[in-house]
């Protein structure tokens, strides 16, 4: 089904079902078959994932608190909400880049419960998933069959480093904002 199939798989994986790494593999496989469409495949997979995440997020905003409290301990929920209070949207961006078995859907649900506004939520998901899927498509475009081997051998390592880089940038922004707020308060 090409790009529409990628979008559908990504939607289902990000919402109600789980297809760990299937979207990643299909993006690479389709890009190797049709290299000129790499950006199309990456964006279609990103769009499907964003829509799937938004469905979960919207459900959590409309009453997911009870659902999540049945599935997870109060301590885990409070820890997750504390992460949102401390780092904001980085709590969505970083896990959205990382591959399975990184828990991701819990952060989507917690974003809805924490009251994250819809537009920033969608932007954060689009940044993280776009980085992941468009990046994989670009690697497949640039390196062809070698990309499949590289991704299968190094996906976890590359994803962790990407998340660390995003995390460092995020912490730097938080420190900078805090410094600016203190400076403005002192003025």
N, C-alpha and C. Protein backbone atom coordinates (compact mmCIF):
# COMPACT_ATOMS: atom_id res chain seq x y z
N UNK A 1 0.81 -1.21 0.00
CA UNK A 1 0.00 0.00 0.00
C UNK A 1 0.85 1.27 0.00
N UNK A 2 2.14 1.13 0.06
CA UNK A 2 3.01 2.30 0.01
C UNK A 2 2.86 3.22 1.20
N UNK A 3 2.89 4.51 0.94
CA UNK A 3 2.83 5.51 2.01
C UNK A 3 1.52 5.43 2.81
N UNK A 4 0.36 5.24 2.16
CA UNK A 4 -0.86 5.10 2.98
C UNK A 4 -0.79 3.90 3.94
N UNK A 5 -0.20 2.82 3.50
CA UNK A 5 -0.02 1.66 4.37
C UNK A 5 0.90 1.97 5.54
N UNK A 6 1.97 2.72 5.27
CA UNK A 6 2.86 3.14 6.34
C UNK A 6 2.13 4.01 7.35
N UNK A 7 1.33 4.94 6.85
CA UNK A 7 0.57 5.82 7.74
C UNK A 7 -0.40 5.00 8.59
N UNK A 8 -1.06 4.02 7.99
CA UNK A 8 -2.00 3.18 8.73
C UNK A 8 -1.30 2.36 9.81
N UNK A 9 -0.21 1.71 9.46
CA UNK A 9 0.56 0.93 10.44
C UNK A 9 1.02 1.83 11.58
N UNK A 10 1.55 3.00 11.25
CA UNK A 10 2.02 3.93 12.28
C UNK A 10 0.87 4.41 13.16
N UNK A 11 -0.29 4.67 12.55
CA UNK A 11 -1.47 5.08 13.32
C UNK A 11 -1.87 4.00 14.31
N UNK A 12 -1.99 2.78 13.83
CA UNK A 12 -2.39 1.67 14.71
C UNK A 12 -1.36 1.42 15.80
N UNK A 13 -0.08 1.46 15.42
CA UNK A 13 0.98 1.23 16.40
C UNK A 13 1.00 2.30 17.48
N UNK A 14 0.72 3.52 17.11
CA UNK A 14 0.77 4.63 18.07
C UNK A 14 -0.52 4.78 18.86
N UNK A 15 -1.57 4.10 18.46
CA UNK A 15 -2.83 4.24 19.18
C UNK A 15 -3.20 2.96 19.92
N UNK A 16 -3.95 2.09 19.32
CA UNK A 16 -4.57 0.99 20.05
C UNK A 16 -3.80 -0.33 20.00
N UNK A 17 -3.05 -0.57 18.96
CA UNK A 17 -2.32 -1.82 18.81
C UNK A 17 -0.83 -1.56 18.96
N UNK A 18 -0.06 -2.63 18.95
CA UNK A 18 1.39 -2.47 19.01
C UNK A 18 2.05 -3.31 17.93
N UNK A 19 2.80 -2.63 17.09
CA UNK A 19 3.60 -3.29 16.06
C UNK A 19 5.04 -2.81 16.22
N UNK A 20 5.74 -3.29 17.25
CA UNK A 20 7.09 -2.78 17.52
C UNK A 20 8.01 -2.89 16.32
N UNK A 21 8.59 -1.79 15.95
CA UNK A 21 9.60 -1.65 14.89
C UNK A 21 9.10 -1.96 13.49
N UNK A 22 7.82 -2.31 13.30
CA UNK A 22 7.31 -2.61 11.97
C UNK A 22 7.37 -1.36 11.09
N UNK A 23 6.94 -0.22 11.62
CA UNK A 23 7.01 1.02 10.86
C UNK A 23 8.42 1.35 10.43
N UNK A 24 9.37 1.15 11.34
CA UNK A 24 10.78 1.42 11.04
C UNK A 24 11.26 0.54 9.89
N UNK A 25 10.96 -0.73 9.97
CA UNK A 25 11.41 -1.68 8.95
C UNK A 25 10.77 -1.36 7.60
N UNK A 26 9.46 -1.06 7.62
CA UNK A 26 8.76 -0.78 6.37
C UNK A 26 9.24 0.51 5.71
N UNK A 27 9.53 1.54 6.51
CA UNK A 27 10.07 2.79 5.95
C UNK A 27 11.36 2.51 5.20
N UNK A 28 12.23 1.75 5.83
CA UNK A 28 13.52 1.44 5.21
C UNK A 28 13.32 0.58 3.96
N UNK A 29 12.48 -0.46 4.07
CA UNK A 29 12.27 -1.37 2.93
C UNK A 29 11.67 -0.63 1.74
N UNK A 30 10.66 0.19 1.97
CA UNK A 30 10.04 0.92 0.86
C UNK A 30 10.99 1.96 0.27
N UNK A 31 11.77 2.59 1.11
CA UNK A 31 12.72 3.58 0.60
C UNK A 31 13.79 2.92 -0.25
N UNK A 32 14.22 1.74 0.14
CA UNK A 32 15.21 1.02 -0.67
C UNK A 32 14.61 0.65 -2.02
N UNK A 33 13.33 0.28 -2.04
CA UNK A 33 12.67 -0.07 -3.30
C UNK A 33 12.43 1.15 -4.19
N UNK A 34 12.09 2.29 -3.57
CA UNK A 34 11.76 3.52 -4.30
C UNK A 34 12.51 4.69 -3.65
N UNK A 35 13.81 4.80 -3.89
CA UNK A 35 14.62 5.80 -3.19
C UNK A 35 14.15 7.24 -3.34
N UNK A 36 13.58 7.59 -4.46
CA UNK A 36 13.14 8.97 -4.67
C UNK A 36 11.98 9.38 -3.78
N UNK A 37 11.33 8.44 -3.15
CA UNK A 37 10.17 8.74 -2.29
C UNK A 37 10.52 8.72 -0.80
N UNK A 38 11.78 8.78 -0.46
CA UNK A 38 12.18 8.65 0.94
C UNK A 38 11.47 9.66 1.84
N UNK A 39 11.40 10.90 1.40
CA UNK A 39 10.76 11.95 2.23
C UNK A 39 9.27 11.68 2.38
N UNK A 40 8.64 11.18 1.33
CA UNK A 40 7.20 10.87 1.34
C UNK A 40 6.92 9.75 2.35
N UNK A 41 7.75 8.70 2.32
CA UNK A 41 7.56 7.59 3.25
C UNK A 41 7.81 8.03 4.70
N UNK A 42 8.85 8.81 4.91
CA UNK A 42 9.14 9.30 6.26
C UNK A 42 8.03 10.18 6.80
N UNK A 43 7.53 11.09 5.96
CA UNK A 43 6.45 11.99 6.41
C UNK A 43 5.12 11.25 6.60
N UNK A 44 4.83 10.26 5.75
CA UNK A 44 3.59 9.49 5.90
C UNK A 44 3.59 8.71 7.20
N UNK A 45 4.71 8.10 7.52
CA UNK A 45 4.82 7.34 8.76
C UNK A 45 4.73 8.28 9.96
N UNK A 46 5.37 9.43 9.87
CA UNK A 46 5.29 10.43 10.94
C UNK A 46 3.85 10.89 11.13
N UNK A 47 3.16 11.21 10.03
CA UNK A 47 1.78 11.69 10.12
C UNK A 47 0.86 10.63 10.75
N UNK A 48 1.02 9.37 10.34
CA UNK A 48 0.20 8.31 10.93
C UNK A 48 0.46 8.17 12.41
N UNK A 49 1.71 8.26 12.81
CA UNK A 49 2.05 8.15 14.23
C UNK A 49 1.50 9.33 15.02
N UNK A 50 1.61 10.52 14.47
CA UNK A 50 1.08 11.71 15.16
C UNK A 50 -0.43 11.57 15.36
N UNK A 51 -1.14 11.13 14.34
CA UNK A 51 -2.59 10.95 14.47
C UNK A 51 -2.94 9.89 15.50
N UNK A 52 -2.22 8.79 15.49
CA UNK A 52 -2.46 7.73 16.47
C UNK A 52 -2.20 8.20 17.89
N UNK A 53 -1.12 8.93 18.07
CA UNK A 53 -0.81 9.47 19.40
C UNK A 53 -1.88 10.47 19.84
N UNK A 54 -2.36 11.27 18.89
CA UNK A 54 -3.37 12.26 19.24
C UNK A 54 -4.66 11.59 19.71
N UNK A 55 -5.01 10.46 19.11
CA UNK A 55 -6.21 9.74 19.55
C UNK A 55 -6.05 9.30 21.00
N UNK A 56 -4.90 8.71 21.35
CA UNK A 56 -4.67 8.31 22.75
C UNK A 56 -4.68 9.51 23.68
N UNK A 57 -4.01 10.55 23.27
CA UNK A 57 -3.93 11.78 24.06
C UNK A 57 -5.33 12.35 24.32
N UNK A 58 -6.16 12.41 23.27
CA UNK A 58 -7.52 12.95 23.41
C UNK A 58 -8.36 12.09 24.35
N UNK A 59 -8.21 10.78 24.26
CA UNK A 59 -8.94 9.90 25.18
C UNK A 59 -8.49 10.12 26.62
N UNK A 60 -7.20 10.30 26.81
CA UNK A 60 -6.68 10.54 28.16
C UNK A 60 -7.19 11.87 28.71
N UNK A 61 -7.31 12.88 27.86
CA UNK A 61 -7.83 14.18 28.31
C UNK A 61 -9.28 14.09 28.74
N UNK A 62 -10.03 13.17 28.11
CA UNK A 62 -11.45 13.06 28.39
C UNK A 62 -11.78 11.99 29.42
N UNK A 63 -10.84 11.55 30.20
CA UNK A 63 -11.16 10.57 31.23
C UNK A 63 -10.18 9.44 31.34
N UNK A 64 -9.01 9.63 30.84
CA UNK A 64 -8.00 8.58 30.91
C UNK A 64 -7.40 8.40 32.28
N UNK A 65 -7.70 9.32 33.18
CA UNK A 65 -7.16 9.22 34.53
C UNK A 65 -7.55 7.90 35.18
N UNK A 66 -8.84 7.54 35.09
CA UNK A 66 -9.31 6.29 35.69
C UNK A 66 -8.65 5.09 35.01
N UNK A 67 -8.56 5.13 33.69
CA UNK A 67 -7.94 4.03 32.94
C UNK A 67 -6.49 3.84 33.36
N UNK A 68 -5.76 4.94 33.41
CA UNK A 68 -4.34 4.85 33.72
C UNK A 68 -4.11 4.42 35.16
N UNK A 69 -4.96 4.84 36.05
CA UNK A 69 -4.81 4.46 37.46
C UNK A 69 -5.08 2.97 37.68
N UNK A 70 -5.88 2.36 36.81
CA UNK A 70 -6.09 0.91 36.90
C UNK A 70 -4.89 0.14 36.39
N UNK A 71 -4.18 0.70 35.44
CA UNK A 71 -3.08 0.00 34.78
C UNK A 71 -1.71 0.21 35.45
N UNK A 72 -1.53 1.35 36.10
CA UNK A 72 -0.23 1.68 36.66
C UNK A 72 -0.38 2.11 38.12
N UNK A 73 0.68 1.91 38.87
CA UNK A 73 0.66 2.29 40.29
C UNK A 73 0.65 3.81 40.42
N UNK A 74 0.11 4.26 41.53
CA UNK A 74 0.05 5.71 41.79
C UNK A 74 1.46 6.30 41.81
N UNK A 75 2.41 5.54 42.32
CA UNK A 75 3.79 6.02 42.39
C UNK A 75 4.36 6.26 40.99
N UNK A 76 4.12 5.32 40.07
CA UNK A 76 4.62 5.48 38.69
C UNK A 76 3.95 6.66 37.99
N UNK A 77 2.66 6.80 38.22
CA UNK A 77 1.92 7.91 37.60
C UNK A 77 2.45 9.24 38.11
N UNK A 78 2.62 9.33 39.41
CA UNK A 78 3.11 10.59 39.98
C UNK A 78 4.53 10.89 39.50
N UNK A 79 5.36 9.86 39.37
CA UNK A 79 6.71 10.05 38.84
C UNK A 79 6.66 10.58 37.41
N UNK A 80 5.77 10.00 36.60
CA UNK A 80 5.62 10.45 35.22
C UNK A 80 5.13 11.89 35.13
N UNK A 81 4.15 12.23 35.97
CA UNK A 81 3.64 13.60 35.97
C UNK A 81 4.71 14.58 36.46
N UNK A 82 5.55 14.13 37.40
CA UNK A 82 6.65 14.98 37.87
C UNK A 82 7.63 15.27 36.74
N UNK A 83 7.85 14.28 35.88
CA UNK A 83 8.74 14.48 34.72
C UNK A 83 8.16 15.57 33.82
N UNK A 84 6.83 15.53 33.59
CA UNK A 84 6.19 16.57 32.77
C UNK A 84 6.35 17.94 33.40
N UNK A 85 6.17 18.01 34.70
CA UNK A 85 6.30 19.31 35.38
C UNK A 85 7.73 19.83 35.31
N UNK A 86 8.68 18.91 35.36
CA UNK A 86 10.09 19.32 35.39
C UNK A 86 10.64 19.65 34.00
N UNK A 87 10.36 18.82 33.00
CA UNK A 87 11.00 19.01 31.69
C UNK A 87 10.03 19.37 30.58
N UNK A 88 8.77 19.40 30.85
CA UNK A 88 7.79 19.80 29.85
C UNK A 88 7.71 18.85 28.67
N UNK A 89 7.73 19.41 27.49
CA UNK A 89 7.52 18.62 26.28
C UNK A 89 8.68 17.68 25.95
N UNK A 90 9.81 17.84 26.59
CA UNK A 90 10.89 16.87 26.39
C UNK A 90 10.46 15.49 26.86
N UNK A 91 9.48 15.45 27.78
CA UNK A 91 8.95 14.17 28.24
C UNK A 91 8.19 13.45 27.13
N UNK A 92 7.87 14.14 26.07
CA UNK A 92 7.23 13.54 24.90
C UNK A 92 8.26 13.34 23.78
N UNK A 93 9.08 14.34 23.53
CA UNK A 93 10.01 14.29 22.40
C UNK A 93 11.01 13.15 22.54
N UNK A 94 11.66 13.05 23.70
CA UNK A 94 12.72 12.06 23.86
C UNK A 94 12.19 10.63 23.71
N UNK A 95 11.13 10.23 24.42
CA UNK A 95 10.67 8.84 24.22
C UNK A 95 10.10 8.58 22.82
N UNK A 96 9.64 9.64 22.14
CA UNK A 96 9.10 9.42 20.79
C UNK A 96 10.19 9.12 19.77
N UNK A 97 11.42 9.44 20.08
CA UNK A 97 12.54 9.13 19.20
C UNK A 97 13.03 7.70 19.43
N UNK A 98 12.97 7.26 20.66
CA UNK A 98 13.56 5.97 21.02
C UNK A 98 12.74 4.79 20.51
N UNK A 99 13.43 3.70 20.13
CA UNK A 99 12.72 2.51 19.65
C UNK A 99 12.21 1.66 20.81
N UNK A 100 11.34 0.68 20.52
CA UNK A 100 10.92 -0.27 21.55
C UNK A 100 12.15 -0.97 22.12
N UNK A 101 12.16 -1.34 23.33
CA UNK A 101 11.08 -1.44 24.30
C UNK A 101 10.87 -0.20 25.16
N UNK A 102 11.36 0.95 24.72
CA UNK A 102 11.14 2.18 25.47
C UNK A 102 9.63 2.41 25.64
N UNK A 103 9.18 2.60 26.87
CA UNK A 103 7.74 2.86 27.05
C UNK A 103 7.41 4.24 26.48
N UNK A 104 6.47 4.28 25.57
CA UNK A 104 6.13 5.55 24.93
C UNK A 104 4.67 5.92 25.16
N UNK A 105 3.78 4.97 25.03
CA UNK A 105 2.36 5.27 25.13
C UNK A 105 1.98 5.83 26.50
N UNK A 106 2.69 5.43 27.54
CA UNK A 106 2.41 5.96 28.87
C UNK A 106 2.64 7.47 28.89
N UNK A 107 3.64 7.95 28.17
CA UNK A 107 3.91 9.38 28.14
C UNK A 107 2.84 10.13 27.35
N UNK A 108 2.31 9.48 26.32
CA UNK A 108 1.22 10.08 25.55
C UNK A 108 -0.01 10.21 26.45
N UNK A 109 -0.33 9.14 27.17
CA UNK A 109 -1.48 9.16 28.08
C UNK A 109 -1.27 10.20 29.19
N UNK A 110 -0.07 10.23 29.75
CA UNK A 110 0.20 11.19 30.82
C UNK A 110 0.13 12.64 30.32
N UNK A 111 0.48 12.86 29.07
CA UNK A 111 0.37 14.21 28.50
C UNK A 111 -1.08 14.66 28.53
N UNK A 112 -2.00 13.75 28.19
CA UNK A 112 -3.42 14.09 28.24
C UNK A 112 -3.89 14.36 29.65
N UNK A 113 -3.46 13.54 30.59
CA UNK A 113 -3.86 13.72 31.99
C UNK A 113 -3.23 14.98 32.58
N UNK A 114 -1.98 15.26 32.18
CA UNK A 114 -1.27 16.42 32.72
C UNK A 114 -1.80 17.74 32.17
N UNK A 115 -2.68 17.67 31.17
CA UNK A 115 -3.24 18.89 30.62
C UNK A 115 -2.36 19.61 29.63
N UNK A 116 -1.44 18.87 28.99
CA UNK A 116 -0.63 19.48 27.94
C UNK A 116 -1.57 19.95 26.84
N UNK A 117 -1.37 21.17 26.39
CA UNK A 117 -2.25 21.72 25.34
C UNK A 117 -2.07 20.95 24.03
N UNK A 118 -3.13 20.85 23.23
CA UNK A 118 -3.08 20.03 22.00
C UNK A 118 -2.00 20.43 20.99
N UNK A 119 -1.87 21.71 20.70
CA UNK A 119 -0.90 22.12 19.67
C UNK A 119 0.53 21.81 20.09
N UNK A 120 0.96 22.18 21.29
CA UNK A 120 2.32 21.80 21.68
C UNK A 120 2.53 20.29 21.71
N UNK A 121 1.49 19.53 22.10
CA UNK A 121 1.59 18.08 22.11
C UNK A 121 1.86 17.56 20.69
N UNK A 122 1.05 18.01 19.73
CA UNK A 122 1.20 17.56 18.34
C UNK A 122 2.57 17.96 17.80
N UNK A 123 3.02 19.16 18.10
CA UNK A 123 4.34 19.61 17.64
C UNK A 123 5.45 18.73 18.23
N UNK A 124 5.35 18.42 19.51
CA UNK A 124 6.37 17.59 20.16
C UNK A 124 6.41 16.19 19.54
N UNK A 125 5.24 15.60 19.32
CA UNK A 125 5.19 14.28 18.69
C UNK A 125 5.75 14.34 17.28
N UNK A 126 5.38 15.37 16.53
CA UNK A 126 5.85 15.51 15.15
C UNK A 126 7.37 15.67 15.11
N UNK A 127 7.93 16.40 16.05
CA UNK A 127 9.39 16.57 16.10
C UNK A 127 10.06 15.23 16.37
N UNK A 128 9.63 14.55 17.41
CA UNK A 128 10.26 13.28 17.78
C UNK A 128 10.09 12.20 16.74
N UNK A 129 8.86 11.97 16.33
CA UNK A 129 8.59 10.92 15.33
C UNK A 129 9.15 11.30 13.97
N UNK A 130 9.12 12.58 13.63
CA UNK A 130 9.71 13.03 12.37
C UNK A 130 11.20 12.77 12.35
N UNK A 131 11.85 13.09 13.44
CA UNK A 131 13.29 12.84 13.53
C UNK A 131 13.57 11.36 13.32
N UNK A 132 12.76 10.53 13.94
CA UNK A 132 12.97 9.08 13.85
C UNK A 132 12.67 8.55 12.44
N UNK A 133 11.45 8.76 11.95
CA UNK A 133 11.04 8.14 10.69
C UNK A 133 11.64 8.80 9.45
N UNK A 134 11.70 10.12 9.42
CA UNK A 134 12.31 10.79 8.28
C UNK A 134 13.82 10.51 8.29
N UNK A 135 14.39 10.46 9.48
CA UNK A 135 15.81 10.12 9.59
C UNK A 135 16.11 8.72 9.08
N UNK A 136 15.27 7.77 9.43
CA UNK A 136 15.46 6.41 8.93
C UNK A 136 15.30 6.34 7.41
N UNK A 137 14.30 7.05 6.90
CA UNK A 137 14.09 7.07 5.45
C UNK A 137 15.29 7.69 4.74
N UNK A 138 15.82 8.76 5.32
CA UNK A 138 16.99 9.40 4.71
C UNK A 138 18.20 8.46 4.73
N UNK A 139 18.40 7.75 5.84
CA UNK A 139 19.50 6.78 5.91
C UNK A 139 19.34 5.70 4.84
N UNK A 140 18.11 5.23 4.66
CA UNK A 140 17.86 4.21 3.64
C UNK A 140 18.12 4.78 2.25
N UNK A 141 17.76 6.02 2.05
CA UNK A 141 18.01 6.69 0.76
C UNK A 141 19.51 6.81 0.50
N UNK A 142 20.22 7.28 1.49
CA UNK A 142 21.66 7.51 1.34
C UNK A 142 22.46 6.22 1.23
N UNK A 143 22.09 5.23 2.01
CA UNK A 143 22.93 4.04 2.13
C UNK A 143 22.31 2.75 1.59
N UNK A 144 21.07 2.83 1.10
CA UNK A 144 20.45 1.66 0.48
C UNK A 144 20.39 0.45 1.39
N UNK A 145 20.77 -0.69 0.84
CA UNK A 145 20.72 -1.94 1.60
C UNK A 145 21.63 -1.91 2.82
N UNK A 146 22.70 -1.16 2.75
CA UNK A 146 23.60 -1.04 3.91
C UNK A 146 22.87 -0.39 5.08
N UNK A 147 21.87 0.46 4.81
CA UNK A 147 21.11 1.12 5.88
C UNK A 147 20.34 0.10 6.70
N UNK A 148 19.79 -0.91 6.04
CA UNK A 148 19.05 -1.94 6.76
C UNK A 148 19.95 -2.62 7.79
N UNK A 149 21.13 -2.99 7.34
CA UNK A 149 22.07 -3.64 8.25
C UNK A 149 22.50 -2.67 9.36
N UNK A 150 22.79 -1.44 8.99
CA UNK A 150 23.22 -0.46 9.99
C UNK A 150 22.12 -0.21 11.01
N UNK A 151 20.90 -0.01 10.55
CA UNK A 151 19.80 0.28 11.47
C UNK A 151 19.54 -0.91 12.38
N UNK A 152 19.54 -2.11 11.82
CA UNK A 152 19.27 -3.27 12.67
C UNK A 152 20.38 -3.47 13.71
N UNK A 153 21.60 -3.10 13.37
CA UNK A 153 22.71 -3.26 14.31
C UNK A 153 22.85 -2.09 15.28
N UNK A 154 22.39 -0.90 14.88
CA UNK A 154 22.71 0.30 15.66
C UNK A 154 21.51 1.17 16.02
N UNK A 155 20.29 0.75 15.73
CA UNK A 155 19.12 1.60 15.97
C UNK A 155 19.04 2.05 17.42
N UNK A 156 19.23 1.14 18.31
CA UNK A 156 19.14 1.48 19.73
C UNK A 156 20.20 2.49 20.12
N UNK A 157 21.43 2.26 19.70
CA UNK A 157 22.53 3.17 20.05
C UNK A 157 22.31 4.55 19.46
N UNK A 158 21.97 4.61 18.18
CA UNK A 158 21.74 5.91 17.52
C UNK A 158 20.57 6.63 18.18
N UNK A 159 19.51 5.90 18.47
CA UNK A 159 18.34 6.51 19.10
C UNK A 159 18.67 7.05 20.49
N UNK A 160 19.43 6.29 21.24
CA UNK A 160 19.81 6.74 22.58
C UNK A 160 20.66 8.01 22.48
N UNK A 161 21.63 8.03 21.56
CA UNK A 161 22.45 9.23 21.40
C UNK A 161 21.61 10.42 20.94
N UNK A 162 20.67 10.18 20.04
CA UNK A 162 19.79 11.26 19.59
C UNK A 162 18.97 11.79 20.76
N UNK A 163 18.46 10.88 21.58
CA UNK A 163 17.68 11.30 22.75
C UNK A 163 18.55 12.06 23.75
N UNK A 164 19.79 11.61 23.93
CA UNK A 164 20.71 12.31 24.84
C UNK A 164 20.97 13.72 24.34
N UNK A 165 21.20 13.85 23.03
CA UNK A 165 21.45 15.18 22.46
C UNK A 165 20.24 16.08 22.65
N UNK A 166 19.05 15.55 22.34
CA UNK A 166 17.82 16.33 22.54
C UNK A 166 17.65 16.67 24.01
N UNK A 167 17.94 15.72 24.89
CA UNK A 167 17.84 15.96 26.33
C UNK A 167 18.78 17.05 26.81
N UNK A 168 20.01 17.02 26.33
CA UNK A 168 20.99 18.05 26.71
C UNK A 168 20.53 19.42 26.23
N UNK A 169 20.05 19.48 25.00
CA UNK A 169 19.55 20.75 24.48
C UNK A 169 18.36 21.22 25.32
N UNK A 170 17.48 20.29 25.67
CA UNK A 170 16.31 20.64 26.48
C UNK A 170 16.70 21.14 27.86
N UNK A 171 17.64 20.46 28.49
CA UNK A 171 18.10 20.90 29.82
C UNK A 171 18.74 22.28 29.71
N UNK A 172 19.51 22.50 28.66
CA UNK A 172 20.12 23.81 28.45
C UNK A 172 19.05 24.89 28.30
N UNK A 173 17.98 24.58 27.57
CA UNK A 173 16.88 25.54 27.44
C UNK A 173 16.19 25.81 28.77
N UNK A 174 15.99 24.77 29.55
CA UNK A 174 15.36 24.93 30.86
C UNK A 174 16.22 25.79 31.77
N UNK A 175 17.52 25.52 31.79
CA UNK A 175 18.44 26.31 32.61
C UNK A 175 18.46 27.76 32.13
N UNK A 176 18.49 27.95 30.82
CA UNK A 176 18.50 29.29 30.26
C UNK A 176 17.22 30.05 30.64
N UNK A 177 16.05 29.38 30.49
CA UNK A 177 14.78 30.03 30.87
C UNK A 177 14.75 30.38 32.35
N UNK A 178 15.24 29.47 33.18
CA UNK A 178 15.27 29.72 34.62
C UNK A 178 16.18 30.91 34.93
N UNK A 179 17.32 30.95 34.28
CA UNK A 179 18.25 32.06 34.48
C UNK A 179 17.62 33.38 34.05
N UNK A 180 16.93 33.35 32.89
CA UNK A 180 16.27 34.57 32.39
C UNK A 180 15.16 35.01 33.36
N UNK A 181 14.40 34.07 33.88
CA UNK A 181 13.32 34.41 34.81
C UNK A 181 13.88 35.03 36.09
N UNK A 182 14.96 34.47 36.60
CA UNK A 182 15.60 35.02 37.80
C UNK A 182 16.16 36.42 37.52
N UNK A 183 16.75 36.59 36.36
CA UNK A 183 17.31 37.88 35.99
C UNK A 183 16.21 38.93 35.87
N UNK A 184 15.09 38.53 35.23
CA UNK A 184 13.97 39.47 35.08
C UNK A 184 13.33 39.80 36.42
N UNK A 185 13.27 38.81 37.32
CA UNK A 185 12.70 39.05 38.64
C UNK A 185 13.59 39.98 39.47
N UNK A 186 14.90 39.89 39.26
CA UNK A 186 15.82 40.75 40.00
C UNK A 186 15.82 42.18 39.47
N UNK A 187 15.36 42.38 38.24
CA UNK A 187 15.38 43.73 37.65
C UNK A 187 14.30 44.60 38.15
